[in-house]
Protein backbone atom coordinates (compact mmCIF):
# COMPACT_ATOMS: atom_id res chain seq x y z
CA UNK A 1 -8.48 11.24 -20.62
CA UNK A 2 -11.22 12.30 -18.24
CA UNK A 3 -10.74 9.78 -15.34
CA UNK A 4 -12.86 9.24 -12.18
CA UNK A 5 -11.10 7.75 -9.15
CA UNK A 6 -13.03 6.27 -6.11
CA UNK A 7 -10.81 5.57 -3.05
CA UNK A 8 -10.74 5.69 0.80
CA UNK A 9 -9.40 9.02 2.00
CA UNK A 10 -7.26 7.56 4.69
CA UNK A 11 -3.50 6.94 4.98
CA UNK A 12 -4.00 3.21 4.06
CA UNK A 13 -2.33 1.74 1.14
CA UNK A 14 -5.02 1.67 -1.45
CA UNK A 15 -5.81 5.35 -0.66
CA UNK A 16 -2.32 6.36 -0.99
CA UNK A 17 -1.76 4.55 -4.34
CA UNK A 18 -5.06 5.88 -5.67
CA UNK A 19 -4.14 9.47 -4.64
CA UNK A 20 -0.46 9.24 -5.97
CA UNK A 21 -1.68 7.62 -9.29
CA UNK A 22 -4.32 10.47 -9.69
CA UNK A 23 -1.71 13.16 -8.94
CA UNK A 24 0.79 11.63 -11.57
CA UNK A 25 -1.87 11.33 -14.16
CA UNK A 26 -2.76 15.00 -13.83
CA UNK A 27 0.74 15.88 -14.49
CA UNK A 28 0.31 14.15 -17.82
CA UNK A 29 -2.55 16.45 -18.56
CA UNK A 30 -5.41 14.04 -17.73
CA UNK A 31 -8.46 15.45 -16.06
CA UNK A 32 -8.77 13.71 -12.53
CA UNK A 33 -12.01 13.45 -10.54
CA UNK A 34 -11.62 12.08 -7.08
CA UNK A 35 -14.82 10.76 -5.40
CA UNK A 36 -14.57 10.09 -1.92
CA UNK A 37 -16.26 10.68 1.67
CA UNK A 38 -13.49 13.45 2.48
CA UNK A 39 -10.52 14.78 0.69
CA UNK A 40 -7.80 12.11 0.23
CA UNK A 41 -4.99 12.62 2.72
CA UNK A 42 -2.20 12.90 0.19
CA UNK A 43 -4.11 15.46 -1.90
CA UNK A 44 -2.74 18.38 0.01
CA UNK A 45 -1.64 20.65 -2.85
CA UNK A 46 -3.60 22.45 -5.55
CA UNK A 47 -3.76 21.02 -9.13
CA UNK A 48 -5.64 22.73 -11.79
CA UNK A 49 -6.92 19.51 -13.34
CA UNK A 50 -7.78 17.59 -10.14
CA UNK A 51 -11.25 17.89 -8.97
CA UNK A 52 -12.75 16.43 -5.65
CA UNK A 53 -16.31 15.31 -5.39
CA UNK A 54 -17.37 14.62 -1.72
CA UNK A 55 -19.90 11.88 -0.96
CA UNK A 56 -22.46 13.09 1.53
CA UNK A 57 -24.40 10.57 3.77
CA UNK A 58 -27.92 11.42 4.76
CA UNK A 59 -28.69 11.45 8.42
CA UNK A 60 -31.84 9.82 9.17
CA UNK A 61 -33.16 8.23 12.47
CA UNK A 62 -34.36 5.06 10.64
CA UNK A 63 -30.72 4.31 9.38
CA UNK A 64 -28.67 2.70 12.16
CA UNK A 65 -25.77 2.77 9.62
CA UNK A 66 -25.80 5.26 6.84
CA UNK A 67 -25.96 3.62 3.43
CA UNK A 68 -22.80 4.93 1.93
CA UNK A 69 -22.74 2.56 -0.83
CA UNK A 70 -26.03 4.22 -2.16
CA UNK A 71 -24.81 7.66 -1.74
CA UNK A 72 -21.60 6.75 -3.53
CA UNK A 73 -23.43 5.29 -6.56
CA UNK A 74 -25.58 8.53 -6.73
CA UNK A 75 -22.47 10.82 -6.54
CA UNK A 76 -20.71 8.93 -9.34
CA UNK A 77 -23.90 9.21 -11.51
CA UNK A 78 -23.87 12.93 -10.78
CA UNK A 79 -20.17 13.15 -11.66
CA UNK A 80 -20.54 11.09 -14.82
CA UNK A 81 -23.67 13.11 -15.96
CA UNK A 82 -22.02 16.39 -15.76
CA UNK A 83 -18.24 15.66 -16.24
CA UNK A 84 -18.48 13.11 -18.97
CA UNK A 85 -15.94 10.67 -17.57
CA UNK A 86 -14.07 8.35 -19.99
CA UNK A 87 -13.50 5.60 -17.43
CA UNK A 88 -14.04 5.00 -13.67
CA UNK A 89 -11.30 3.50 -11.58
CA UNK A 90 -12.32 2.15 -8.22
CA UNK A 91 -9.67 1.22 -5.61
CA UNK A 92 -10.52 -1.62 -3.12
CA UNK A 93 -13.42 -3.89 -3.82
CA UNK A 94 -15.51 -3.32 -0.80
CA UNK A 95 -17.90 -1.34 -1.41
CA UNK A 96 -16.41 0.48 -4.30
CA UNK A 97 -16.87 -2.15 -6.82
CA UNK A 98 -20.44 -2.91 -6.02
CA UNK A 99 -21.39 0.78 -5.90
CA UNK A 100 -19.79 1.01 -9.41
CA UNK A 101 -21.94 -1.76 -10.72
CA UNK A 102 -25.02 -0.10 -9.39
CA UNK A 103 -23.88 3.08 -11.09
CA UNK A 104 -23.47 1.36 -14.45
CA UNK A 105 -26.99 0.11 -14.21
CA UNK A 106 -28.37 3.56 -13.54
CA UNK A 107 -26.36 5.13 -16.44
CA UNK A 108 -27.38 2.21 -18.74
CA UNK A 109 -31.03 3.11 -18.08
CA UNK A 110 -30.15 6.65 -19.43
CA UNK A 111 -28.26 5.29 -22.44
CA UNK A 112 -24.83 6.10 -20.98
CA UNK A 113 -21.95 3.70 -20.79
CA UNK A 114 -19.24 3.98 -18.30
CA UNK A 115 -16.18 1.65 -18.27
CA UNK A 116 -15.22 0.48 -14.86
CA UNK A 117 -11.88 -0.79 -13.70
CA UNK A 118 -11.51 -2.30 -10.26
CA UNK A 119 -8.05 -2.48 -8.45
CA UNK A 120 -7.74 -4.98 -5.74
CA UNK A 121 -5.37 -4.10 -3.00
CA UNK A 122 -5.10 -7.02 -0.56
CA UNK A 123 -7.27 -7.14 2.53
CA UNK A 124 -10.38 -6.42 0.34
CA UNK A 125 -9.63 -9.94 -0.96
CA UNK A 126 -7.92 -11.88 1.74
CA UNK A 127 -9.74 -10.53 4.77
CA UNK A 128 -12.82 -8.24 4.40
CA UNK A 129 -13.91 -9.59 0.84
CA UNK A 130 -13.52 -13.16 2.07
CA UNK A 131 -15.95 -12.71 4.96
CA UNK A 132 -19.22 -14.70 4.05
CA UNK A 133 -21.01 -11.41 4.64
CA UNK A 134 -19.37 -9.81 1.67
CA UNK A 135 -17.91 -12.55 -0.44
CA UNK A 136 -20.84 -13.19 -2.98
CA UNK A 137 -21.11 -9.42 -3.57
CA UNK A 138 -17.29 -8.96 -3.92
CA UNK A 139 -17.09 -11.88 -6.46
CA UNK A 140 -20.08 -10.69 -8.50
CA UNK A 141 -18.79 -6.90 -8.52
CA UNK A 142 -15.39 -8.01 -9.76
CA UNK A 143 -16.91 -10.20 -12.52
CA UNK A 144 -19.10 -7.27 -13.63
CA UNK A 145 -16.17 -4.79 -13.89
CA UNK A 146 -14.96 -4.06 -17.30
CA UNK A 147 -11.26 -4.48 -16.19
CA UNK A 148 -9.52 -5.75 -13.03
CA UNK A 149 -5.96 -5.19 -11.85
CA UNK A 150 -4.22 -6.45 -8.77
CA UNK A 151 -1.04 -5.01 -7.16
CA UNK A 152 0.96 -8.12 -7.05
CA UNK A 153 1.07 -11.64 -8.65
CA UNK A 154 0.67 -13.02 -5.12
CA UNK A 155 -2.77 -11.04 -4.82
CA UNK A 156 -3.98 -12.21 -8.28
CA UNK A 157 -3.23 -15.87 -7.08
CA UNK A 158 -5.21 -15.36 -3.96
CA UNK A 159 -8.05 -13.79 -5.72
CA UNK A 160 -8.38 -16.58 -8.24
CA UNK A 161 -8.03 -19.12 -5.46
CA UNK A 162 -10.85 -17.55 -3.21
CA UNK A 163 -13.33 -16.43 -5.80
CA UNK A 164 -14.73 -17.85 -9.03
CA UNK A 165 -13.32 -14.78 -11.08
CA UNK A 166 -14.07 -14.90 -14.82
CA UNK A 167 -12.42 -11.71 -15.58
CA UNK A 168 -8.77 -11.45 -16.65
CA UNK A 169 -6.76 -9.85 -13.86
CA UNK A 170 -3.95 -7.57 -14.91
CA UNK A 171 -1.12 -7.26 -12.46
CA UNK A 172 0.27 -3.79 -12.22
CA UNK A 173 2.73 -3.47 -9.28
CA UNK A 174 2.43 -0.87 -6.59
CA UNK A 175 4.95 2.05 -7.07
CA UNK A 176 7.03 4.54 -5.34
CA UNK A 177 8.06 8.14 -5.95
CA UNK A 178 11.86 7.97 -6.15
CA UNK A 179 12.01 11.66 -5.58
CA UNK A 180 10.59 11.06 -2.15
CA UNK A 181 12.47 7.88 -1.26
CA UNK A 182 16.14 8.07 -1.92
CA UNK A 183 19.11 7.67 0.41
CA UNK A 184 19.83 11.10 1.97
CA UNK A 185 21.83 10.44 5.10
CA UNK A 186 21.32 12.90 7.88
CA UNK A 187 23.97 12.56 10.60
CA UNK A 188 22.12 15.05 12.73
CA UNK A 189 18.91 13.15 12.62
CA UNK A 190 20.80 9.86 13.54
CA UNK A 191 22.31 11.61 16.55
CA UNK A 192 18.99 12.34 17.90
CA UNK A 193 18.53 8.52 18.40
CA UNK A 194 22.03 7.36 19.09
CA UNK A 195 25.70 7.52 18.33
CA UNK A 196 27.07 8.02 14.72
CA UNK A 197 28.44 4.45 14.91
CA UNK A 198 25.36 2.66 16.18
CA UNK A 199 23.38 0.38 13.85
CA UNK A 200 19.73 0.90 13.45
CA UNK A 201 17.01 -1.76 12.64
CA UNK A 202 13.76 -0.05 11.46
CA UNK A 203 10.09 -1.23 11.18
CA UNK A 204 7.31 0.74 9.59
CA UNK A 205 3.60 -0.51 9.73
CA UNK A 206 0.11 0.29 11.18
CA UNK A 207 0.73 -1.89 14.10
CA UNK A 208 -2.07 -4.29 13.41
CA UNK A 209 -1.72 -8.02 14.56
CA UNK A 210 -1.02 -9.16 11.03
CA UNK A 211 2.29 -7.22 11.13
CA UNK A 212 3.54 -9.31 14.08
CA UNK A 213 5.25 -6.38 15.73
CA UNK A 214 6.41 -8.48 18.76
CA UNK A 215 8.41 -10.70 16.36
CA UNK A 216 10.32 -7.36 15.44
CA UNK A 217 10.99 -6.72 19.11
CA UNK A 218 12.12 -10.38 19.69
CA UNK A 219 14.25 -10.44 16.77
CA UNK A 220 16.03 -7.26 17.85
CA UNK A 221 16.63 -8.59 21.34
CA UNK A 222 18.58 -11.44 19.96
CA UNK A 223 20.71 -9.08 17.93
CA UNK A 224 21.10 -6.57 20.54
CA UNK A 225 22.42 -9.25 22.95
CA UNK A 226 25.10 -9.92 20.57
CA UNK A 227 25.84 -6.20 19.72
CA UNK A 228 24.53 -3.65 21.98
CA UNK A 229 25.19 -1.02 19.52
CA UNK A 230 22.18 -2.06 17.61
CA UNK A 231 19.26 0.24 18.07
CA UNK A 232 15.56 -0.25 16.99
CA UNK A 233 13.21 2.44 15.43
CA UNK A 234 9.55 1.78 15.27
CA UNK A 235 7.58 3.93 12.92
CA UNK A 236 3.70 3.86 12.92
CA UNK A 237 0.76 3.45 15.20
CA UNK A 238 -2.10 1.02 15.75
CA UNK A 239 -3.72 -1.38 18.05
CA UNK A 240 -0.52 -3.34 18.86
CA UNK A 241 1.48 -0.35 19.79
CA UNK A 242 0.50 -0.01 23.58
CA UNK A 243 1.11 -3.68 24.19
CA UNK A 244 4.54 -3.50 22.40
CA UNK A 245 5.59 -0.37 24.37
CA UNK A 246 4.41 -1.82 27.77
CA UNK A 247 6.68 -5.03 26.92
CA UNK A 248 9.64 -2.90 26.15
CA UNK A 249 9.32 -0.65 29.26
CA UNK A 250 9.81 -3.67 31.36
CA UNK A 251 13.15 -4.33 29.54
CA UNK A 252 15.70 -2.58 27.40
CA UNK A 253 13.41 0.33 26.35
CA UNK A 254 16.37 2.78 26.10
CA UNK A 255 17.46 1.28 22.79
CA UNK A 256 13.97 1.21 21.11
CA UNK A 257 12.57 4.43 19.92
CA UNK A 258 8.74 4.52 19.07
CA UNK A 259 8.26 7.55 16.70
CA UNK A 260 4.63 7.07 15.91
CA UNK A 261 3.17 8.14 12.60
CA UNK A 262 5.52 10.28 10.59
CA UNK A 263 5.38 12.22 7.15
CA UNK A 264 8.55 12.11 5.07
CA UNK A 265 9.77 8.89 6.40
CA UNK A 266 12.39 8.70 3.73
CA UNK A 267 14.71 10.61 5.84
CA UNK A 268 14.19 8.22 8.73
CA UNK A 269 14.66 5.16 6.66
CA UNK A 270 17.90 6.55 5.16
CA UNK A 271 19.73 6.55 8.66
CA UNK A 272 18.82 2.97 9.25
CA UNK A 273 20.69 -0.21 8.31
CA UNK A 274 18.15 -3.01 8.09
CA UNK A 275 14.35 -2.96 7.46
CA UNK A 276 12.48 -5.77 9.35
CA UNK A 277 8.99 -6.90 8.21
CA UNK A 278 7.84 -10.26 9.74
CA UNK A 279 4.22 -9.79 8.46
CA UNK A 280 1.64 -12.63 8.37
CA UNK A 281 0.23 -11.14 5.18
CA UNK A 282 1.45 -8.63 2.71
CA UNK A 283 -0.25 -8.33 -0.67
CA UNK A 284 2.81 -6.39 -1.80
CA UNK A 285 5.00 -4.92 0.71
CA UNK A 286 5.03 -1.28 -0.02
CA UNK A 287 6.94 -0.31 3.14
CA UNK A 288 9.71 -2.80 2.34
CA UNK A 289 10.02 -1.25 -1.11
CA UNK A 290 10.19 2.21 0.26
CA UNK A 291 13.05 1.10 2.55
CA UNK A 292 14.94 -0.49 -0.45
CA UNK A 293 14.56 2.76 -2.49
CA UNK A 294 16.53 4.49 0.40
CA UNK A 295 19.13 1.58 0.26
CA UNK A 296 18.10 -0.22 3.25
CA UNK A 297 18.37 -4.04 2.96
CA UNK A 298 15.14 -5.93 3.99
CA UNK A 299 14.72 -9.00 6.25
CA UNK A 300 11.07 -10.12 5.98
CA UNK A 301 8.69 -13.10 6.07
CA UNK A 302 8.28 -14.87 2.74
CA UNK A 303 4.39 -14.32 2.87
CA UNK A 304 2.17 -12.90 0.01
CA UNK A 305 3.87 -10.60 -2.28
CA UNK A 306 6.94 -9.90 -0.18
CA UNK A 307 9.20 -12.46 -2.05
CA UNK A 308 8.34 -10.61 -5.30
CA UNK A 309 9.72 -7.29 -3.70
CA UNK A 310 12.48 -8.49 -1.40
CA UNK A 311 14.54 -10.83 -3.47
CA UNK A 312 16.08 -13.57 -1.09
CA UNK A 313 20.02 -13.29 -0.99
CA UNK A 314 20.09 -10.14 -3.21
CA UNK A 315 18.08 -7.37 -1.55
CA UNK A 316 17.83 -9.04 1.79
CA UNK A 317 16.45 -12.32 3.15
CA UNK A 318 13.13 -14.05 3.44
CA UNK A 319 12.09 -16.37 6.22
CA UNK A 320 9.17 -18.56 7.13
CA UNK A 321 6.42 -17.03 9.28
CA UNK A 322 7.48 -16.84 12.92
CA UNK A 323 11.11 -17.70 12.22
CA UNK A 324 12.48 -15.04 14.64
CA UNK A 325 15.76 -16.67 15.07
CA UNK A 326 16.44 -16.99 11.45
CA UNK A 327 15.48 -13.19 10.96
CA UNK A 328 17.93 -12.33 13.61
CA UNK A 329 20.59 -14.31 11.87
CA UNK A 330 19.77 -12.58 8.59
CA UNK A 331 20.23 -9.20 10.28
CA UNK A 332 23.54 -10.26 11.81
CA UNK A 333 24.69 -11.48 8.22
CA UNK A 334 23.86 -8.13 6.78
CA UNK A 335 25.33 -5.79 9.36
CA UNK A 336 28.36 -7.62 10.45
CA UNK A 337 30.37 -6.52 7.34
CA UNK A 338 30.19 -3.01 5.76
CA UNK A 339 31.17 -4.36 2.32
CA UNK A 340 28.31 -6.97 2.34
CA UNK A 341 25.92 -4.30 3.58
CA UNK A 342 26.90 -1.99 0.80
CA UNK A 343 26.45 -4.71 -1.85
CA UNK A 344 22.92 -5.43 -0.53
CA UNK A 345 22.18 -1.68 -0.36
CA UNK A 346 23.16 -1.02 -3.95
CA UNK A 347 20.96 -3.99 -5.21
CA UNK A 348 18.04 -2.53 -3.17
CA UNK A 349 18.41 0.77 -4.92
CA UNK A 350 18.86 -0.71 -8.30
CA UNK A 351 15.81 -3.20 -7.78
CA UNK A 352 13.46 -0.53 -6.48
CA UNK A 353 14.03 1.63 -9.72
CA UNK A 354 11.65 -0.81 -11.66
CA UNK A 355 8.80 0.32 -9.30
CA UNK A 356 9.35 3.91 -9.92
CA UNK A 357 6.09 5.73 -10.45
CA UNK A 358 7.32 6.85 -13.98
CA UNK A 359 7.58 3.33 -14.98
CA UNK A 360 4.14 2.16 -13.54
CA UNK A 361 1.89 5.12 -14.57
CA UNK A 362 2.24 4.51 -18.27
CA UNK A 363 0.94 0.85 -17.61
CA UNK A 364 -2.22 2.22 -16.11
CA UNK A 365 -2.47 4.62 -19.03
CA UNK A 366 -2.34 1.75 -21.58
CA UNK A 367 -4.78 -0.35 -19.65
CA UNK A 368 -7.32 2.63 -19.42
CA UNK A 369 -7.28 2.83 -23.21
CA UNK A 370 -7.56 -0.87 -23.58
CA UNK A 371 -10.61 -1.19 -21.42
CA UNK A 372 -12.20 2.00 -22.98
CA UNK A 373 -11.69 0.64 -26.51
CA UNK A 374 -13.12 -2.85 -25.55
CA UNK A 375 -16.09 -1.28 -24.00
CA UNK A 376 -16.82 0.90 -27.05
CA UNK A 377 -16.72 -2.18 -29.29
CA UNK A 378 -18.85 -4.23 -26.79
């Protein structure tokens, strides 16, 4: 197939999934055309059947904000005209789905039909898309798509609750590349941050308020007060990092390590014992899944798609939002006995296998063919 993919080029979840999906599809001999404002962050190698088409905005004094949506639609028209796409897959509803609709209408006037699939990722529905400034357009664009997917059952439920969606939403889970996330314990790496017998709690996020990083610190404080050998590794960066670091510097900062943004985090996850994710919202919980693939049990909130990924009592524990004491107790229950930890770790690895990219990509291929066939009949 000749597949167009529209995504944000940043490290955010939707851009990562879109890029990894495109790379995986290219390895199965599909022609992939990425359409974005700049080269996607994960697209850092050469692939003979991956093509990049940059969306260029016109700079003009009249425009206080450059009309990216218009420029994107024009670029998709150009790519479709000359590359003859079989299907266009847009990731994140705002503004990609509405641009795709505009594109369809332009192409229709030229006698060209382009099937469009919109994948919903989370905040495009629960936060941005739900804002009154965008909601009517988001709802319309979803309904005008030929196919719609969501990355979790929870996100599908949220979408149907918040919008009057008439299209059937196909759930296709997020995925991981098991070759990048597996337990490869590195004792020398662990020694950089503590002693060989230290216990490490780890948190990975973009440090936005929705991640509740102070809950991570406070849960760790409870556990550390019981066992000073328990250390904390914080990976990522964002608006809440400075406040969190300032708080830690006034207390026991020596047992907390802020590592910032890191590539290849699988090796860091593999030296850790428990992954803590107390988020207010998670459409899926990809960071938790990555930890599980590295054999790290998860303690998390029970919000959004997290209970679909982190099975309570099997791969870790889930708690109500803000239940810091409960989360601390869950961590204690996992780390106090090596045999218990090993059982959880083994279940995490086994459970994560169903989300391997090699299991998920064929679902997208089948869905593409289904939508293309339906569009040809219509």
